Structures are given as structure tokens and as C-alpha cells.
Amino acid sequence: MSGRQKIHLKDICYARCGDKGNMANIGLMAFDSEKYELIKKNVTPERIKEHFGDWVRGPVQIWPMDNINTLLVLMHGALDGGVAMSLRFDGQGKSLGEYLRQMEIEMD
């Protein structure tokens, strides 16, 4: 056994979401600095793209905000055109943060 355990992001952070046109932005705010380091290590643009599948059609960018234990995630092409064009249930992307919090990561 490897000794590595899987947890969901929801167990170690909050999320706050919004929209900027056809882009969704998500702030992942860790409960503490130790959990923030886990998030920084495991939450990558590639993992996010894999987690969301074809819902995110453009690139994913991540900016660490170390002073407040937060990652700012910007997902281009994630809102099917944006709130004024999309027929999606959640054209503003408010639920995307909760979906991201369902992503599993490994901890030592």
C-alpha cells in the first residue's frame, strides 16, 4: 500500500465563482496554509481540464495568491458563450466552483 490517501477539494477549501464573458473564474480558498500547499501541488490546468471535460473549451490559467492561501482559476471558453448567449442552466458559472470542489487529489 502506497500510504497515499485521496480526498476531495471540498474537504480542504471553499470556492467563490463568477463570470467574465465566456470565462469562468473560481477562487479556491484553502482552510489553512498546509491545505493551501496541497491545493497548489495538485490543482493544475491539466487536472482542471480533465475534471471538466468538454465544458472548458479553452485554456485554463492559475494564479497563486500566497498571502491569502487562494488559487485564482480562470477557465476560458467555459460558459458556452457567456450569460447573454448561453442556454445552459448556469450561464454565470456559479456552480462550477462546487463542481471543482468535487475533484479528488492525493495527499501523503
PDB file of N, CA and C in Angstrom:
ATOM      1  N   MET A   1       0.832  -1.166   0.000  1.00  0.00           N
ATOM      2  CA  MET A   1       0.000   0.000   0.000  1.00  0.00           C
ATOM      3  C   MET A   1       0.888   1.246   0.000  1.00  0.00           C
ATOM      4  N   SER A   2       0.506   2.234  -0.804  1.00  0.00           N
ATOM      5  CA  SER A   2       1.365   3.391  -1.004  1.00  0.00           C
ATOM      6  C   SER A   2       1.319   4.402   0.141  1.00  0.00           C
ATOM      7  N   GLY A   3       0.303   4.368   0.979  1.00  0.00           N
ATOM      8  CA  GLY A   3       0.185   5.321   2.057  1.00  0.00           C
ATOM      9  C   GLY A   3      -0.430   6.632   1.613  1.00  0.00           C
ATOM     10  N   ARG A   4      -0.807   6.742   0.339  1.00  0.00           N
ATOM     11  CA  ARG A   4      -1.414   7.968  -0.181  1.00  0.00           C
ATOM     12  C   ARG A   4      -2.930   7.835  -0.112  1.00  0.00           C
ATOM     13  N   GLN A   5      -3.550   8.868   0.383  1.00  0.00           N
ATOM     14  CA  GLN A   5      -4.996   8.851   0.513  1.00  0.00           C
ATOM     15  C   GLN A   5      -5.591   9.902  -0.410  1.00  0.00           C
ATOM     16  N   LYS A   6      -6.778   9.627  -0.932  1.00  0.00           N
ATOM     17  CA  LYS A   6      -7.463  10.577  -1.795  1.00  0.00           C
ATOM     18  C   LYS A   6      -8.495  11.337  -0.978  1.00  0.00           C
ATOM     19  N   ILE A   7      -8.561  12.634  -1.249  1.00  0.00           N
ATOM     20  CA  ILE A   7      -9.580  13.471  -0.626  1.00  0.00           C
ATOM     21  C   ILE A   7     -10.187  14.365  -1.707  1.00  0.00           C
ATOM     22  N   HIS A   8     -11.325  14.922  -1.418  1.00  0.00           N
ATOM     23  CA  HIS A   8     -11.942  15.896  -2.308  1.00  0.00           C
ATOM     24  C   HIS A   8     -11.494  17.297  -1.903  1.00  0.00           C
ATOM     25  N   LEU A   9     -11.408  18.182  -2.884  1.00  0.00           N
ATOM     26  CA  LEU A   9     -11.060  19.567  -2.574  1.00  0.00           C
ATOM     27  C   LEU A   9     -12.045  20.181  -1.585  1.00  0.00           C
ATOM     28  N   LYS A  10     -13.294  19.750  -1.611  1.00  0.00           N
ATOM     29  CA  LYS A  10     -14.300  20.318  -0.696  1.00  0.00           C
ATOM     30  C   LYS A  10     -13.923  20.108   0.767  1.00  0.00           C
ATOM     31  N   ASP A  11     -13.064  19.126   1.029  1.00  0.00           N
ATOM     32  CA  ASP A  11     -12.637  18.853   2.400  1.00  0.00           C
ATOM     33  C   ASP A  11     -11.559  19.814   2.893  1.00  0.00           C
ATOM     34  N   ILE A  12     -10.980  20.617   1.961  1.00  0.00           N
ATOM     35  CA  ILE A  12      -9.874  21.485   2.364  1.00  0.00           C
ATOM     36  C   ILE A  12      -9.988  22.933   1.893  1.00  0.00           C
ATOM     37  N   CYS A  13     -11.073  23.268   1.167  1.00  0.00           N
ATOM     38  CA  CYS A  13     -11.183  24.645   0.689  1.00  0.00           C
ATOM     39  C   CYS A  13     -12.620  25.060   0.409  1.00  0.00           C
ATOM     40  N   TYR A  14     -12.789  26.363   0.328  1.00  0.00           N
ATOM     41  CA  TYR A  14     -14.033  26.978  -0.137  1.00  0.00           C
ATOM     42  C   TYR A  14     -13.842  27.353  -1.603  1.00  0.00           C
ATOM     43  N   ALA A  15     -14.929  27.749  -2.265  1.00  0.00           N
ATOM     44  CA  ALA A  15     -14.822  28.250  -3.635  1.00  0.00           C
ATOM     45  C   ALA A  15     -15.769  29.435  -3.811  1.00  0.00           C
ATOM     46  N   ARG A  16     -15.336  30.379  -4.628  1.00  0.00           N
ATOM     47  CA  ARG A  16     -16.164  31.525  -4.998  1.00  0.00           C
ATOM     48  C   ARG A  16     -16.031  31.701  -6.497  1.00  0.00           C
ATOM     49  N   CYS A  17     -17.152  31.835  -7.195  1.00  0.00           N
ATOM     50  CA  CYS A  17     -17.142  31.823  -8.657  1.00  0.00           C
ATOM     51  C   CYS A  17     -17.788  33.059  -9.248  1.00  0.00           C
ATOM     52  N   GLY A  18     -17.440  33.290 -10.498  1.00  0.00           N
ATOM     53  CA  GLY A  18     -18.057  34.372 -11.237  1.00  0.00           C
ATOM     54  C   GLY A  18     -17.809  34.210 -12.723  1.00  0.00           C
ATOM     55  N   ASP A  19     -18.292  35.184 -13.483  1.00  0.00           N
ATOM     56  CA  ASP A  19     -18.137  35.113 -14.930  1.00  0.00           C
ATOM     57  C   ASP A  19     -17.530  36.399 -15.452  1.00  0.00           C
ATOM     58  N   LYS A  20     -16.788  36.269 -16.505  1.00  0.00           N
ATOM     59  CA  LYS A  20     -16.229  37.385 -17.262  1.00  0.00           C
ATOM     60  C   LYS A  20     -16.439  37.032 -18.735  1.00  0.00           C
ATOM     61  N   GLY A  21     -17.596  37.375 -19.271  1.00  0.00           N
ATOM     62  CA  GLY A  21     -17.907  36.993 -20.648  1.00  0.00           C
ATOM     63  C   GLY A  21     -18.052  35.495 -20.758  1.00  0.00           C
ATOM     64  N   ASN A  22     -17.230  34.885 -21.588  1.00  0.00           N
ATOM     65  CA  ASN A  22     -17.260  33.433 -21.782  1.00  0.00           C
ATOM     66  C   ASN A  22     -16.237  32.718 -20.898  1.00  0.00           C
ATOM     67  N   MET A  23     -15.717  33.428 -19.901  1.00  0.00           N
ATOM     68  CA  MET A  23     -14.730  32.842 -18.994  1.00  0.00           C
ATOM     69  C   MET A  23     -15.335  32.723 -17.599  1.00  0.00           C
ATOM     70  N   ALA A  24     -15.019  31.625 -16.950  1.00  0.00           N
ATOM     71  CA  ALA A  24     -15.417  31.440 -15.552  1.00  0.00           C
ATOM     72  C   ALA A  24     -14.186  31.632 -14.690  1.00  0.00           C
ATOM     73  N   ASN A  25     -14.355  32.342 -13.583  1.00  0.00           N
ATOM     74  CA  ASN A  25     -13.250  32.456 -12.635  1.00  0.00           C
ATOM     75  C   ASN A  25     -13.684  31.834 -11.316  1.00  0.00           C
ATOM     76  N   ILE A  26     -12.755  31.105 -10.721  1.00  0.00           N
ATOM     77  CA  ILE A  26     -13.018  30.414  -9.460  1.00  0.00           C
ATOM     78  C   ILE A  26     -11.873  30.721  -8.512  1.00  0.00           C
ATOM     79  N   GLY A  27     -12.203  31.163  -7.324  1.00  0.00           N
ATOM     80  CA  GLY A  27     -11.222  31.310  -6.264  1.00  0.00           C
ATOM     81  C   GLY A  27     -11.318  30.103  -5.351  1.00  0.00           C
ATOM     82  N   LEU A  28     -10.228  29.372  -5.211  1.00  0.00           N
ATOM     83  CA  LEU A  28     -10.164  28.243  -4.264  1.00  0.00           C
ATOM     84  C   LEU A  28      -9.430  28.735  -3.025  1.00  0.00           C
ATOM     85  N   MET A  29     -10.144  28.872  -1.930  1.00  0.00           N
ATOM     86  CA  MET A  29      -9.592  29.431  -0.700  1.00  0.00           C
ATOM     87  C   MET A  29      -9.391  28.321   0.321  1.00  0.00           C
ATOM     88  N   ALA A  30      -8.148  27.996   0.589  1.00  0.00           N
ATOM     89  CA  ALA A  30      -7.820  26.893   1.498  1.00  0.00           C
ATOM     90  C   ALA A  30      -8.182  27.234   2.933  1.00  0.00           C
ATOM     91  N   PHE A  31      -8.527  26.204   3.689  1.00  0.00           N
ATOM     92  CA  PHE A  31      -8.861  26.374   5.097  1.00  0.00           C
ATOM     93  C   PHE A  31      -7.656  26.841   5.923  1.00  0.00           C
ATOM     94  N   ASP A  32      -6.437  26.445   5.506  1.00  0.00           N
ATOM     95  CA  ASP A  32      -5.220  26.872   6.202  1.00  0.00           C
ATOM     96  C   ASP A  32      -4.036  26.735   5.252  1.00  0.00           C
ATOM     97  N   SER A  33      -2.859  27.176   5.682  1.00  0.00           N
ATOM     98  CA  SER A  33      -1.690  27.193   4.801  1.00  0.00           C
ATOM     99  C   SER A  33      -1.207  25.794   4.417  1.00  0.00           C
ATOM    100  N   GLU A  34      -1.361  24.826   5.295  1.00  0.00           N
ATOM    101  CA  GLU A  34      -0.971  23.446   4.965  1.00  0.00           C
ATOM    102  C   GLU A  34      -1.845  22.901   3.831  1.00  0.00           C
ATOM    103  N   LYS A  35      -3.122  23.140   3.923  1.00  0.00           N
ATOM    104  CA  LYS A  35      -4.043  22.678   2.879  1.00  0.00           C
ATOM    105  C   LYS A  35      -3.827  23.456   1.580  1.00  0.00           C
ATOM    106  N   TYR A  36      -3.449  24.712   1.695  1.00  0.00           N
ATOM    107  CA  TYR A  36      -3.142  25.509   0.512  1.00  0.00           C
ATOM    108  C   TYR A  36      -1.981  24.897  -0.268  1.00  0.00           C
ATOM    109  N   GLU A  37      -0.964  24.431   0.433  1.00  0.00           N
ATOM    110  CA  GLU A  37       0.171  23.790  -0.245  1.00  0.00           C
ATOM    111  C   GLU A  37      -0.273  22.534  -0.989  1.00  0.00           C
ATOM    112  N   LEU A  38      -1.187  21.769  -0.410  1.00  0.00           N
ATOM    113  CA  LEU A  38      -1.748  20.594  -1.094  1.00  0.00           C
ATOM    114  C   LEU A  38      -2.481  21.003  -2.369  1.00  0.00           C
ATOM    115  N   ILE A  39      -3.256  22.064  -2.263  1.00  0.00           N
ATOM    116  CA  ILE A  39      -4.005  22.543  -3.427  1.00  0.00           C
ATOM    117  C   ILE A  39      -3.053  23.005  -4.519  1.00  0.00           C
ATOM    118  N   LYS A  40      -2.051  23.808  -4.158  1.00  0.00           N
ATOM    119  CA  LYS A  40      -1.080  24.295  -5.150  1.00  0.00           C
ATOM    120  C   LYS A  40      -0.358  23.150  -5.845  1.00  0.00           C
ATOM    121  N   LYS A  41      -0.062  22.115  -5.103  1.00  0.00           N
ATOM    122  CA  LYS A  41       0.665  20.969  -5.653  1.00  0.00           C
ATOM    123  C   LYS A  41      -0.204  20.144  -6.606  1.00  0.00           C
ATOM    124  N   ASN A  42      -1.481  20.025  -6.316  1.00  0.00           N
ATOM    125  CA  ASN A  42      -2.347  19.091  -7.031  1.00  0.00           C
ATOM    126  C   ASN A  42      -3.305  19.702  -8.045  1.00  0.00           C
ATOM    127  N   VAL A  43      -3.623  20.970  -7.919  1.00  0.00           N
ATOM    128  CA  VAL A  43      -4.578  21.593  -8.834  1.00  0.00           C
ATOM    129  C   VAL A  43      -3.790  22.288  -9.947  1.00  0.00           C
ATOM    130  N   THR A  44      -3.810  21.671 -11.104  1.00  0.00           N
ATOM    131  CA  THR A  44      -3.076  22.175 -12.259  1.00  0.00           C
ATOM    132  C   THR A  44      -4.063  22.436 -13.400  1.00  0.00           C
ATOM    133  N   PRO A  45      -3.663  23.226 -14.385  1.00  0.00           N
ATOM    134  CA  PRO A  45      -4.551  23.426 -15.535  1.00  0.00           C
ATOM    135  C   PRO A  45      -4.948  22.108 -16.202  1.00  0.00           C
ATOM    136  N   GLU A  46      -4.013  21.181 -16.285  1.00  0.00           N
ATOM    137  CA  GLU A  46      -4.310  19.885 -16.919  1.00  0.00           C
ATOM    138  C   GLU A  46      -5.352  19.100 -16.129  1.00  0.00           C
ATOM    139  N   ARG A  47      -5.204  19.074 -14.810  1.00  0.00           N
ATOM    140  CA  ARG A  47      -6.173  18.353 -13.960  1.00  0.00           C
ATOM    141  C   ARG A  47      -7.555  18.982 -14.048  1.00  0.00           C
ATOM    142  N   ILE A  48      -7.595  20.315 -14.087  1.00  0.00           N
ATOM    143  CA  ILE A  48      -8.883  21.002 -14.190  1.00  0.00           C
ATOM    144  C   ILE A  48      -9.544  20.694 -15.521  1.00  0.00           C
ATOM    145  N   LYS A  49      -8.786  20.755 -16.612  1.00  0.00           N
ATOM    146  CA  LYS A  49      -9.338  20.436 -17.936  1.00  0.00           C
ATOM    147  C   LYS A  49      -9.863  19.003 -17.960  1.00  0.00           C
ATOM    148  N   GLU A  50      -9.126  18.086 -17.365  1.00  0.00           N
ATOM    149  CA  GLU A  50      -9.560  16.686 -17.301  1.00  0.00           C
ATOM    150  C   GLU A  50     -10.859  16.560 -16.486  1.00  0.00           C
ATOM    151  N   HIS A  51     -10.925  17.257 -15.377  1.00  0.00           N
ATOM    152  CA  HIS A  51     -12.084  17.189 -14.487  1.00  0.00           C
ATOM    153  C   HIS A  51     -13.349  17.726 -15.170  1.00  0.00           C
ATOM    154  N   PHE A  52     -13.236  18.845 -15.884  1.00  0.00           N
ATOM    155  CA  PHE A  52     -14.397  19.461 -16.514  1.00  0.00           C
ATOM    156  C   PHE A  52     -14.707  18.910 -17.899  1.00  0.00           C
ATOM    157  N   GLY A  53     -13.769  18.213 -18.517  1.00  0.00           N
ATOM    158  CA  GLY A  53     -14.011  17.653 -19.848  1.00  0.00           C
ATOM    159  C   GLY A  53     -14.307  18.738 -20.866  1.00  0.00           C
ATOM    160  N   ASP A  54     -15.287  18.490 -21.728  1.00  0.00           N
ATOM    161  CA  ASP A  54     -15.567  19.429 -22.817  1.00  0.00           C
ATOM    162  C   ASP A  54     -16.325  20.679 -22.374  1.00  0.00           C
ATOM    163  N   TRP A  55     -16.590  20.829 -21.096  1.00  0.00           N
ATOM    164  CA  TRP A  55     -17.215  22.064 -20.612  1.00  0.00           C
ATOM    165  C   TRP A  55     -16.240  23.234 -20.683  1.00  0.00           C
ATOM    166  N   VAL A  56     -14.950  22.971 -20.615  1.00  0.00           N
ATOM    167  CA  VAL A  56     -13.937  24.025 -20.717  1.00  0.00           C
ATOM    168  C   VAL A  56     -13.252  23.859 -22.063  1.00  0.00           C
ATOM    169  N   ARG A  57     -13.578  24.746 -22.979  1.00  0.00           N
ATOM    170  CA  ARG A  57     -13.104  24.600 -24.358  1.00  0.00           C
ATOM    171  C   ARG A  57     -11.806  25.348 -24.637  1.00  0.00           C
ATOM    172  N   GLY A  58     -11.415  26.227 -23.735  1.00  0.00           N
ATOM    173  CA  GLY A  58     -10.183  26.997 -23.920  1.00  0.00           C
ATOM    174  C   GLY A  58      -9.162  26.656 -22.855  1.00  0.00           C
ATOM    175  N   PRO A  59      -8.125  27.459 -22.782  1.00  0.00           N
ATOM    176  CA  PRO A  59      -7.079  27.198 -21.786  1.00  0.00           C
ATOM    177  C   PRO A  59      -7.544  27.497 -20.366  1.00  0.00           C
ATOM    178  N   VAL A  60      -6.830  26.928 -19.426  1.00  0.00           N
ATOM    179  CA  VAL A  60      -7.042  27.183 -18.002  1.00  0.00           C
ATOM    180  C   VAL A  60      -5.781  27.850 -17.478  1.00  0.00           C
ATOM    181  N   GLN A  61      -5.966  28.945 -16.751  1.00  0.00           N
ATOM    182  CA  GLN A  61      -4.844  29.648 -16.131  1.00  0.00           C
ATOM    183  C   GLN A  61      -5.054  29.651 -14.622  1.00  0.00           C
ATOM    184  N   ILE A  62      -3.937  29.579 -13.899  1.00  0.00           N
ATOM    185  CA  ILE A  62      -3.991  29.580 -12.435  1.00  0.00           C
ATOM    186  C   ILE A  62      -2.979  30.594 -11.902  1.00  0.00           C
ATOM    187  N   TRP A  63      -3.453  31.427 -10.978  1.00  0.00           N
ATOM    188  CA  TRP A  63      -2.575  32.377 -10.296  1.00  0.00           C
ATOM    189  C   TRP A  63      -2.613  32.087  -8.800  1.00  0.00           C
ATOM    190  N   PRO A  64      -1.450  31.759  -8.203  1.00  0.00           N
ATOM    191  CA  PRO A  64      -1.416  31.587  -6.742  1.00  0.00           C
ATOM    192  C   PRO A  64      -1.450  32.946  -6.044  1.00  0.00           C
ATOM    193  N   MET A  65      -2.197  33.005  -4.979  1.00  0.00           N
ATOM    194  CA  MET A  65      -2.275  34.203  -4.145  1.00  0.00           C
ATOM    195  C   MET A  65      -1.860  33.772  -2.745  1.00  0.00           C
ATOM    196  N   ASP A  66      -0.546  33.600  -2.581  1.00  0.00           N
ATOM    197  CA  ASP A  66       0.006  33.006  -1.369  1.00  0.00           C
ATOM    198  C   ASP A  66      -0.358  33.766  -0.095  1.00  0.00           C
ATOM    199  N   ASN A  67      -0.499  35.072  -0.193  1.00  0.00           N
ATOM    200  CA  ASN A  67      -0.765  35.867   1.010  1.00  0.00           C
ATOM    201  C   ASN A  67      -2.152  35.610   1.597  1.00  0.00           C
ATOM    202  N   ILE A  68      -3.075  35.033   0.795  1.00  0.00           N
ATOM    203  CA  ILE A  68      -4.407  34.714   1.308  1.00  0.00           C
ATOM    204  C   ILE A  68      -4.783  33.241   1.082  1.00  0.00           C
ATOM    205  N   ASN A  69      -3.776  32.389   0.860  1.00  0.00           N
ATOM    206  CA  ASN A  69      -3.984  30.936   0.706  1.00  0.00           C
ATOM    207  C   ASN A  69      -5.064  30.611  -0.325  1.00  0.00           C
ATOM    208  N   THR A  70      -4.978  31.278  -1.480  1.00  0.00           N
ATOM    209  CA  THR A  70      -6.005  31.140  -2.511  1.00  0.00           C
ATOM    210  C   THR A  70      -5.376  30.922  -3.879  1.00  0.00           C
ATOM    211  N   LEU A  71      -6.003  30.064  -4.681  1.00  0.00           N
ATOM    212  CA  LEU A  71      -5.671  29.958  -6.098  1.00  0.00           C
ATOM    213  C   LEU A  71      -6.790  30.613  -6.880  1.00  0.00           C
ATOM    214  N   LEU A  72      -6.436  31.471  -7.830  1.00  0.00           N
ATOM    215  CA  LEU A  72      -7.407  32.040  -8.743  1.00  0.00           C
ATOM    216  C   LEU A  72      -7.329  31.245 -10.036  1.00  0.00           C
ATOM    217  N   VAL A  73      -8.436  30.649 -10.423  1.00  0.00           N
ATOM    218  CA  VAL A  73      -8.508  29.803 -11.607  1.00  0.00           C
ATOM    219  C   VAL A  73      -9.363  30.519 -12.645  1.00  0.00           C
ATOM    220  N   LEU A  74      -8.834  30.674 -13.855  1.00  0.00           N
ATOM    221  CA  LEU A  74      -9.581  31.270 -14.953  1.00  0.00           C
ATOM    222  C   LEU A  74      -9.720  30.220 -16.044  1.00  0.00           C
ATOM    223  N   MET A  75     -10.973  29.908 -16.388  1.00  0.00           N
ATOM    224  CA  MET A  75     -11.253  28.885 -17.398  1.00  0.00           C
ATOM    225  C   MET A  75     -11.880  29.567 -18.616  1.00  0.00           C
ATOM    226  N   HIS A  76     -11.105  29.648 -19.698  1.00  0.00           N
ATOM    227  CA  HIS A  76     -11.564  30.267 -20.931  1.00  0.00           C
ATOM    228  C   HIS A  76     -12.522  29.326 -21.662  1.00  0.00           C
ATOM    229  N   GLY A  77     -13.544  29.885 -22.264  1.00  0.00           N
ATOM    230  CA  GLY A  77     -14.478  29.071 -23.046  1.00  0.00           C
ATOM    231  C   GLY A  77     -15.287  28.120 -22.194  1.00  0.00           C
ATOM    232  N   ALA A  78     -15.578  28.500 -20.960  1.00  0.00           N
ATOM    233  CA  ALA A  78     -16.257  27.592 -20.039  1.00  0.00           C
ATOM    234  C   ALA A  78     -17.746  27.879 -19.875  1.00  0.00           C
ATOM    235  N   LEU A  79     -18.249  28.942 -20.516  1.00  0.00           N
ATOM    236  CA  LEU A  79     -19.637  29.333 -20.252  1.00  0.00           C
ATOM    237  C   LEU A  79     -20.509  29.313 -21.507  1.00  0.00           C
ATOM    238  N   ASP A  80     -20.089  28.566 -22.512  1.00  0.00           N
ATOM    239  CA  ASP A  80     -20.902  28.381 -23.723  1.00  0.00           C
ATOM    240  C   ASP A  80     -21.322  29.715 -24.326  1.00  0.00           C
ATOM    241  N   GLY A  81     -20.403  30.656 -24.353  1.00  0.00           N
ATOM    242  CA  GLY A  81     -20.676  31.952 -24.945  1.00  0.00           C
ATOM    243  C   GLY A  81     -20.918  33.059 -23.943  1.00  0.00           C
ATOM    244  N   GLY A  82     -21.201  32.727 -22.716  1.00  0.00           N
ATOM    245  CA  GLY A  82     -21.470  33.732 -21.690  1.00  0.00           C
ATOM    246  C   GLY A  82     -22.938  33.843 -21.371  1.00  0.00           C
ATOM    247  N   VAL A  83     -23.239  34.584 -20.328  1.00  0.00           N
ATOM    248  CA  VAL A  83     -24.593  34.635 -19.786  1.00  0.00           C
ATOM    249  C   VAL A  83     -25.623  35.128 -20.801  1.00  0.00           C
ATOM    250  N   ALA A  84     -25.262  36.056 -21.672  1.00  0.00           N
ATOM    251  CA  ALA A  84     -26.227  36.594 -22.629  1.00  0.00           C
ATOM    252  C   ALA A  84     -26.470  35.673 -23.823  1.00  0.00           C
ATOM    253  N   MET A  85     -25.593  34.688 -24.034  1.00  0.00           N
ATOM    254  CA  MET A  85     -25.709  33.806 -25.196  1.00  0.00           C
ATOM    255  C   MET A  85     -26.041  32.373 -24.840  1.00  0.00           C
ATOM    256  N   SER A  86     -25.692  31.944 -23.663  1.00  0.00           N
ATOM    257  CA  SER A  86     -25.777  30.537 -23.300  1.00  0.00           C
ATOM    258  C   SER A  86     -27.194  30.114 -22.930  1.00  0.00           C
ATOM    259  N   LEU A  87     -27.528  28.902 -23.280  1.00  0.00           N
ATOM    260  CA  LEU A  87     -28.781  28.292 -22.846  1.00  0.00           C
ATOM    261  C   LEU A  87     -28.553  27.327 -21.685  1.00  0.00           C
ATOM    262  N   ARG A  88     -27.333  27.292 -21.187  1.00  0.00           N
ATOM    263  CA  ARG A  88     -27.029  26.434 -20.039  1.00  0.00           C
ATOM    264  C   ARG A  88     -27.804  26.878 -18.815  1.00  0.00           C
ATOM    265  N   PHE A  89     -28.047  25.960 -17.929  1.00  0.00           N
ATOM    266  CA  PHE A  89     -28.746  26.244 -16.673  1.00  0.00           C
ATOM    267  C   PHE A  89     -28.014  27.295 -15.861  1.00  0.00           C
ATOM    268  N   ASP A  90     -26.688  27.255 -15.883  1.00  0.00           N
ATOM    269  CA  ASP A  90     -25.871  28.159 -15.070  1.00  0.00           C
ATOM    270  C   ASP A  90     -24.943  28.965 -15.967  1.00  0.00           C
ATOM    271  N   GLY A  91     -25.480  29.927 -16.680  1.00  0.00           N
ATOM    272  CA  GLY A  91     -24.702  30.719 -17.625  1.00  0.00           C
ATOM    273  C   GLY A  91     -23.650  31.602 -16.977  1.00  0.00           C
ATOM    274  N   GLN A  92     -23.764  31.860 -15.681  1.00  0.00           N
ATOM    275  CA  GLN A  92     -22.778  32.677 -14.987  1.00  0.00           C
ATOM    276  C   GLN A  92     -21.697  31.846 -14.303  1.00  0.00           C
ATOM    277  N   GLY A  93     -21.803  30.551 -14.353  1.00  0.00           N
ATOM    278  CA  GLY A  93     -20.764  29.683 -13.806  1.00  0.00           C
ATOM    279  C   GLY A  93     -20.724  29.592 -12.297  1.00  0.00           C
ATOM    280  N   LYS A  94     -21.789  29.962 -11.619  1.00  0.00           N
ATOM    281  CA  LYS A  94     -21.791  29.959 -10.153  1.00  0.00           C
ATOM    282  C   LYS A  94     -21.642  28.558  -9.565  1.00  0.00           C
ATOM    283  N   SER A  95     -22.077  27.542 -10.267  1.00  0.00           N
ATOM    284  CA  SER A  95     -21.981  26.177  -9.738  1.00  0.00           C
ATOM    285  C   SER A  95     -20.649  25.501 -10.058  1.00  0.00           C
ATOM    286  N   LEU A  96     -19.842  26.099 -10.907  1.00  0.00           N
ATOM    287  CA  LEU A  96     -18.594  25.454 -11.333  1.00  0.00           C
ATOM    288  C   LEU A  96     -17.600  25.288 -10.191  1.00  0.00           C
ATOM    289  N   GLY A  97     -17.606  26.201  -9.244  1.00  0.00           N
ATOM    290  CA  GLY A  97     -16.716  26.076  -8.088  1.00  0.00           C
ATOM    291  C   GLY A  97     -17.054  24.859  -7.252  1.00  0.00           C
ATOM    292  N   GLU A  98     -18.340  24.615  -7.077  1.00  0.00           N
ATOM    293  CA  GLU A  98     -18.745  23.425  -6.316  1.00  0.00           C
ATOM    294  C   GLU A  98     -18.367  22.156  -7.068  1.00  0.00           C
ATOM    295  N   TYR A  99     -18.473  22.199  -8.386  1.00  0.00           N
ATOM    296  CA  TYR A  99     -18.060  21.028  -9.155  1.00  0.00           C
ATOM    297  C   TYR A  99     -16.545  20.824  -9.049  1.00  0.00           C
ATOM    298  N   LEU A 100     -15.778  21.910  -9.081  1.00  0.00           N
ATOM    299  CA  LEU A 100     -14.329  21.779  -8.921  1.00  0.00           C
ATOM    300  C   LEU A 100     -13.994  21.219  -7.545  1.00  0.00           C
ATOM    301  N   ARG A 101     -14.747  21.598  -6.529  1.00  0.00           N
ATOM    302  CA  ARG A 101     -14.506  21.084  -5.177  1.00  0.00           C
ATOM    303  C   ARG A 101     -14.763  19.579  -5.076  1.00  0.00           C
ATOM    304  N   GLN A 102     -15.395  18.990  -6.065  1.00  0.00           N
ATOM    305  CA  GLN A 102     -15.596  17.535  -6.089  1.00  0.00           C
ATOM    306  C   GLN A 102     -14.367  16.791  -6.622  1.00  0.00           C
ATOM    307  N   MET A 103     -13.409  17.522  -7.180  1.00  0.00           N
ATOM    308  CA  MET A 103     -12.201  16.885  -7.721  1.00  0.00           C
ATOM    309  C   MET A 103     -11.405  16.228  -6.600  1.00  0.00           C
ATOM    310  N   GLU A 104     -10.934  15.032  -6.865  1.00  0.00           N
ATOM    311  CA  GLU A 104     -10.109  14.318  -5.895  1.00  0.00           C
ATOM    312  C   GLU A 104      -8.639  14.657  -6.092  1.00  0.00           C
ATOM    313  N   ILE A 105      -7.937  14.763  -4.977  1.00  0.00           N
ATOM    314  CA  ILE A 105      -6.490  14.927  -5.018  1.00  0.00           C
ATOM    315  C   ILE A 105      -5.890  13.911  -4.052  1.00  0.00           C
ATOM    316  N   GLU A 106      -4.595  13.684  -4.207  1.00  0.00           N
ATOM    317  CA  GLU A 106      -3.902  12.757  -3.319  1.00  0.00           C
ATOM    318  C   GLU A 106      -3.116  13.530  -2.287  1.00  0.00           C
ATOM    319  N   MET A 107      -3.114  13.009  -1.068  1.00  0.00           N
ATOM    320  CA  MET A 107      -2.280  13.597  -0.015  1.00  0.00           C
ATOM    321  C   MET A 107      -1.419  12.496   0.575  1.00  0.00           C
ATOM    322  N   ASP A 108      -0.234  12.879   1.035  1.00  0.00           N
ATOM    323  CA  ASP A 108       0.707  11.904   1.596  1.00  0.00           C
ATOM    324  C   ASP A 108       0.272  11.483   2.986  1.00  0.00           C
TER     325      ASP A 108
END
